[in-house]
N, C-alpha and C. Protein backbone atom coordinates (compact mmCIF):
# COMPACT_ATOMS: atom_id res chain seq x y z
N MET A 1 59.58 61.12 74.11
CA MET A 1 59.30 61.36 72.73
C MET A 1 58.79 60.34 71.99
N LEU A 2 58.04 60.63 71.24
CA LEU A 2 57.09 59.65 70.54
C LEU A 2 57.99 59.19 69.09
N ILE A 3 58.73 59.83 68.40
CA ILE A 3 59.59 59.39 67.51
C ILE A 3 60.84 58.86 67.98
N SER A 4 61.26 57.85 67.10
CA SER A 4 62.42 57.11 67.75
C SER A 4 63.60 57.79 66.68
N SER A 5 64.65 57.97 67.05
CA SER A 5 65.87 58.20 66.13
C SER A 5 66.13 57.21 65.22
N ALA A 6 66.78 57.63 64.11
CA ALA A 6 66.89 56.75 62.91
C ALA A 6 68.29 56.87 62.61
N TYR A 7 68.95 55.45 62.21
CA TYR A 7 70.40 55.49 61.98
C TYR A 7 70.51 55.05 60.89
N ALA A 8 71.59 55.42 59.90
CA ALA A 8 71.93 54.94 58.55
C ALA A 8 72.58 53.51 58.60
N GLN A 9 72.35 52.54 58.10
CA GLN A 9 73.11 51.62 57.98
C GLN A 9 74.29 51.65 57.27
N ALA A 10 75.38 50.70 57.44
CA ALA A 10 76.78 50.51 56.69
C ALA A 10 76.06 50.29 55.30
N ALA A 11 76.53 50.92 54.24
CA ALA A 11 76.61 50.57 52.92
C ALA A 11 77.46 49.36 52.62
N GLY A 12 76.85 48.42 51.54
CA GLY A 12 77.66 47.03 51.34
C GLY A 12 78.49 47.41 50.39
N ALA A 13 79.37 47.02 50.17
CA ALA A 13 80.35 47.04 49.08
C ALA A 13 79.99 46.76 47.59
N ALA A 14 80.07 47.63 46.61
CA ALA A 14 79.72 47.57 45.53
C ALA A 14 80.10 46.38 44.50
N ASP A 15 79.22 45.76 43.89
CA ASP A 15 79.61 44.36 43.01
C ASP A 15 80.09 44.94 41.79
N PRO A 16 81.47 44.67 41.50
CA PRO A 16 82.39 44.92 40.45
C PRO A 16 81.29 44.39 39.24
N GLY A 17 81.03 43.29 39.28
CA GLY A 17 80.42 42.83 37.84
C GLY A 17 78.71 43.19 37.53
N GLY A 18 78.54 44.01 38.59
CA GLY A 18 76.89 44.42 38.53
C GLY A 18 76.81 45.71 37.54
N SER A 19 77.96 46.48 37.36
CA SER A 19 77.89 47.76 36.37
C SER A 19 77.73 47.22 34.87
N MET A 20 78.36 46.29 34.87
CA MET A 20 78.88 45.52 33.53
C MET A 20 77.28 44.97 33.14
N MET A 21 76.56 44.28 34.17
CA MET A 21 75.19 43.51 33.80
C MET A 21 74.21 44.31 33.57
N GLN A 22 74.48 45.82 34.11
CA GLN A 22 73.20 47.16 33.67
C GLN A 22 73.37 47.31 32.15
N PHE A 23 74.52 47.20 31.60
CA PHE A 23 74.63 47.65 30.24
C PHE A 23 74.45 46.46 29.36
N LEU A 24 74.44 45.11 29.83
CA LEU A 24 73.94 44.22 28.94
C LEU A 24 73.10 43.92 28.00
N PRO A 25 71.97 44.58 28.24
CA PRO A 25 70.44 44.77 27.70
C PRO A 25 70.68 45.72 26.66
N ILE A 26 71.20 46.60 26.62
CA ILE A 26 71.56 47.85 25.84
C ILE A 26 72.34 47.17 24.51
N ILE A 27 73.32 46.48 25.05
CA ILE A 27 74.42 46.11 24.25
C ILE A 27 73.78 45.11 23.31
N LEU A 28 73.02 44.16 23.93
CA LEU A 28 72.18 43.17 23.16
C LEU A 28 71.36 43.41 22.13
N MET A 29 70.54 44.79 22.67
CA MET A 29 69.73 45.34 21.49
C MET A 29 70.30 45.97 20.57
N PHE A 30 71.44 46.63 20.75
CA PHE A 30 72.13 47.35 19.74
C PHE A 30 72.74 46.16 18.70
N VAL A 31 73.10 44.94 19.04
CA VAL A 31 73.51 44.00 18.25
C VAL A 31 72.34 43.25 17.51
N VAL A 32 71.20 43.27 17.92
CA VAL A 32 70.04 42.75 17.38
C VAL A 32 69.62 43.71 16.27
N LEU A 33 69.52 45.56 16.47
CA LEU A 33 69.43 46.06 15.59
C LEU A 33 70.51 46.25 14.35
N TRP A 34 71.49 46.00 14.66
CA TRP A 34 72.48 46.19 14.06
C TRP A 34 72.45 44.84 12.74
N PHE A 35 72.24 43.36 13.41
CA PHE A 35 71.89 42.59 12.24
C PHE A 35 70.55 42.33 11.62
N LEU A 36 69.50 43.13 12.11
CA LEU A 36 68.08 42.99 11.73
C LEU A 36 67.79 44.28 10.71
N MET A 37 68.59 45.43 10.98
CA MET A 37 68.11 46.98 10.32
C MET A 37 69.28 47.17 9.33
N ILE A 38 70.25 47.65 10.00
CA ILE A 38 71.59 48.32 9.40
C ILE A 38 72.19 47.44 8.57
N ARG A 39 72.52 46.26 8.59
CA ARG A 39 73.56 45.55 7.91
C ARG A 39 72.87 45.25 6.52
N PRO A 40 71.48 44.84 6.50
CA PRO A 40 70.83 44.42 5.22
C PRO A 40 70.67 45.68 4.64
N GLN A 41 70.69 46.88 5.21
CA GLN A 41 70.25 48.44 4.56
C GLN A 41 71.50 48.58 3.86
N GLN A 42 72.26 48.38 4.35
CA GLN A 42 73.92 48.73 3.96
C GLN A 42 74.28 47.85 2.66
N LYS A 43 73.90 46.47 2.94
CA LYS A 43 73.99 45.52 1.66
C LYS A 43 73.42 46.22 0.41
N ARG A 44 72.11 46.34 0.69
CA ARG A 44 71.20 47.00 -0.17
C ARG A 44 71.54 48.21 -1.04
N ALA A 45 72.23 49.21 -0.39
CA ALA A 45 72.55 50.12 -0.83
C ALA A 45 73.97 50.10 -1.75
N LYS A 46 74.75 49.06 -1.10
CA LYS A 46 75.84 48.80 -1.93
C LYS A 46 75.45 47.87 -3.41
N GLU A 47 74.72 47.28 -3.49
CA GLU A 47 74.21 46.50 -4.51
C GLU A 47 73.30 47.55 -5.48
N HIS A 48 72.44 48.28 -4.99
CA HIS A 48 71.99 49.58 -5.73
C HIS A 48 73.25 50.41 -6.36
N LYS A 49 74.29 50.80 -5.85
CA LYS A 49 75.30 51.54 -6.40
C LYS A 49 76.18 51.00 -7.37
N ALA A 50 76.19 49.56 -7.25
CA ALA A 50 76.83 48.82 -8.17
C ALA A 50 76.06 48.58 -9.50
N MET A 51 74.99 48.78 -9.31
CA MET A 51 73.88 48.28 -10.59
C MET A 51 73.83 49.63 -11.28
N LEU A 52 74.05 50.92 -10.51
CA LEU A 52 73.89 52.08 -11.22
C LEU A 52 75.27 52.05 -12.02
N ASP A 53 76.42 51.82 -11.30
CA ASP A 53 77.53 52.06 -12.07
C ASP A 53 77.78 51.02 -13.03
N ALA A 54 77.31 49.93 -13.08
CA ALA A 54 77.27 48.86 -14.32
C ALA A 54 76.25 49.59 -15.38
N LEU A 55 75.55 50.45 -15.29
CA LEU A 55 74.56 50.84 -16.18
C LEU A 55 75.23 51.51 -17.73
N ALA A 56 74.43 51.02 -18.46
CA ALA A 56 74.95 50.95 -20.01
C ALA A 56 74.01 51.46 -21.03
N LYS A 57 74.34 52.10 -22.17
CA LYS A 57 73.47 52.19 -22.98
C LYS A 57 72.87 50.87 -23.69
N GLY A 58 71.32 51.02 -23.80
CA GLY A 58 70.64 49.89 -24.42
C GLY A 58 69.97 49.14 -23.11
N ASP A 59 70.56 49.19 -21.88
CA ASP A 59 69.62 48.51 -20.80
C ASP A 59 68.31 48.96 -20.69
N GLU A 60 67.45 47.95 -20.45
CA GLU A 60 66.17 48.38 -20.00
C GLU A 60 66.11 48.67 -18.59
N ILE A 61 65.26 49.72 -18.29
CA ILE A 61 65.05 49.97 -16.66
C ILE A 61 63.79 50.15 -16.33
N VAL A 62 63.53 50.41 -15.15
CA VAL A 62 62.41 50.60 -14.45
C VAL A 62 62.79 51.51 -13.38
N THR A 63 62.03 52.98 -13.36
CA THR A 63 62.31 53.82 -12.53
C THR A 63 61.40 53.80 -11.10
N GLY A 64 61.83 54.76 -9.94
CA GLY A 64 60.99 54.50 -8.93
C GLY A 64 59.39 54.93 -9.18
N GLY A 65 59.21 55.55 -10.01
CA GLY A 65 57.68 55.97 -10.39
C GLY A 65 57.17 55.22 -11.06
N GLY A 66 57.67 53.81 -11.76
CA GLY A 66 57.07 53.11 -12.57
C GLY A 66 57.26 53.12 -14.06
N ILE A 67 58.22 54.28 -14.61
CA ILE A 67 58.18 54.25 -15.71
C ILE A 67 59.12 53.44 -16.31
N ALA A 68 59.05 52.71 -17.47
CA ALA A 68 59.88 51.78 -18.00
C ALA A 68 60.44 52.21 -19.41
N GLY A 69 61.68 52.11 -19.78
CA GLY A 69 62.37 52.38 -20.87
C GLY A 69 63.79 51.85 -21.31
N ARG A 70 64.31 52.36 -22.11
CA ARG A 70 65.54 51.94 -22.57
C ARG A 70 66.53 53.12 -22.36
N VAL A 71 67.81 52.47 -21.72
CA VAL A 71 68.96 54.06 -21.74
C VAL A 71 69.31 54.38 -23.20
N VAL A 72 69.57 55.63 -23.38
CA VAL A 72 70.07 56.01 -24.73
C VAL A 72 71.24 56.55 -24.52
N LYS A 73 71.39 57.50 -23.30
CA LYS A 73 72.62 58.31 -23.00
C LYS A 73 72.83 58.06 -21.27
N VAL A 74 74.10 57.54 -20.95
CA VAL A 74 74.47 57.73 -19.53
C VAL A 74 75.56 58.86 -19.14
N GLY A 75 74.87 59.58 -18.02
CA GLY A 75 75.71 60.74 -17.79
C GLY A 75 76.19 60.24 -16.49
N GLU A 76 77.05 61.75 -15.91
CA GLU A 76 77.56 61.61 -14.43
C GLU A 76 76.17 61.16 -13.36
N ASN A 77 75.20 62.22 -13.69
CA ASN A 77 74.19 62.03 -12.67
C ASN A 77 72.70 61.96 -13.26
N PHE A 78 72.73 61.89 -14.53
CA PHE A 78 71.62 61.74 -15.04
C PHE A 78 71.57 60.80 -16.31
N VAL A 79 70.35 60.15 -16.79
CA VAL A 79 70.37 58.98 -17.71
C VAL A 79 69.40 59.67 -18.52
N ALA A 80 69.46 59.20 -20.12
CA ALA A 80 68.50 59.69 -20.87
C ALA A 80 67.74 58.51 -21.24
N VAL A 81 66.43 58.45 -21.21
CA VAL A 81 65.80 57.07 -21.22
C VAL A 81 64.73 57.27 -22.51
N GLU A 82 64.71 56.57 -23.36
CA GLU A 82 63.98 56.27 -24.35
C GLU A 82 62.45 55.68 -23.94
N LEU A 83 61.26 56.45 -23.88
CA LEU A 83 60.09 55.65 -23.78
C LEU A 83 59.43 55.05 -24.89
N ALA A 84 59.46 56.00 -25.73
CA ALA A 84 58.84 55.12 -27.03
C ALA A 84 59.54 55.87 -28.22
N ASP A 85 59.35 55.56 -29.46
CA ASP A 85 60.28 56.01 -30.79
C ASP A 85 60.26 57.73 -30.66
N GLY A 86 61.29 58.40 -30.45
CA GLY A 86 61.45 59.64 -30.43
C GLY A 86 61.00 60.60 -28.99
N VAL A 87 60.85 59.61 -28.15
CA VAL A 87 60.44 60.17 -26.91
C VAL A 87 61.71 59.85 -25.85
N GLU A 88 62.17 60.87 -25.38
CA GLU A 88 63.29 60.64 -24.51
C GLU A 88 63.08 61.62 -23.39
N VAL A 89 63.27 61.16 -21.99
CA VAL A 89 63.13 61.81 -20.74
C VAL A 89 64.54 61.79 -20.12
N GLN A 90 64.91 62.59 -19.50
CA GLN A 90 66.17 62.77 -18.65
C GLN A 90 65.71 62.14 -16.79
N VAL A 91 66.43 61.21 -16.57
CA VAL A 91 66.30 60.83 -15.31
C VAL A 91 67.17 60.62 -14.60
N GLN A 92 67.12 61.11 -13.08
CA GLN A 92 68.32 61.11 -12.00
C GLN A 92 68.69 59.48 -11.90
N LYS A 93 70.10 59.31 -11.92
CA LYS A 93 70.54 57.95 -11.79
C LYS A 93 69.77 57.23 -10.52
N PRO A 94 69.62 57.92 -9.34
CA PRO A 94 69.26 57.06 -8.21
C PRO A 94 67.68 56.95 -8.37
N ALA A 95 67.19 57.37 -9.17
CA ALA A 95 65.67 56.99 -9.64
C ALA A 95 65.74 55.85 -10.00
N ILE A 96 66.69 54.98 -10.56
CA ILE A 96 66.40 54.00 -11.50
C ILE A 96 66.63 52.69 -10.21
N THR A 97 65.35 52.01 -10.07
CA THR A 97 65.22 51.09 -9.32
C THR A 97 65.74 49.68 -9.66
N LEU A 98 65.33 49.26 -11.12
CA LEU A 98 65.64 47.94 -11.70
C LEU A 98 66.06 48.10 -12.92
N VAL A 99 66.99 46.92 -13.22
CA VAL A 99 67.54 47.00 -14.71
C VAL A 99 67.04 45.60 -15.20
N LEU A 100 65.84 45.73 -16.11
CA LEU A 100 65.24 44.71 -16.52
C LEU A 100 66.15 43.63 -17.82
N PRO A 101 65.89 42.27 -17.83
CA PRO A 101 66.66 41.54 -18.54
C PRO A 101 66.45 41.94 -20.10
N LYS A 102 67.51 41.79 -20.94
CA LYS A 102 67.57 42.21 -22.35
C LYS A 102 66.23 41.61 -23.02
N GLY A 103 65.61 42.52 -23.85
CA GLY A 103 64.24 41.90 -24.68
C GLY A 103 63.01 42.05 -23.65
N THR A 104 63.07 42.78 -22.45
CA THR A 104 61.84 42.66 -21.94
C THR A 104 60.68 43.65 -22.52
N LEU A 105 61.36 44.62 -22.41
CA LEU A 105 60.60 46.02 -23.58
C LEU A 105 60.36 45.61 -24.77
N LYS A 106 59.53 45.10 -25.72
CA LYS A 106 59.46 44.85 -26.99
C LYS A 106 58.89 45.89 -28.08
N ALA A 107 58.03 46.68 -27.25
CA ALA A 107 57.39 47.70 -27.87
C ALA A 107 58.30 48.91 -28.51
N LEU A 108 59.48 49.23 -27.96
CA LEU A 108 60.43 50.22 -28.35
C LEU A 108 60.82 49.72 -29.31
């Protein structure tokens, strides 16, 4: 015969620590992802919610679209913002991105 017979070799014992070492890179990537992306995003969302809860009449704000004005009335989901004398706009609370220090808007 031209082809010799092939015989299977006996399999070695499985390494008990080897399976954990396979998952170590995935676990490390999740930890890095948590500290670099998820945790700061949660902190920022918590600060934004606290800012919206503390919103009161007379606060000067800036919306996500760049509109600046003074809060006239605060509702549960909407805020009435005075842009100029006699000009009021209804704005959703989540659209408010910044509360300015008092006296920033002198023109109103």
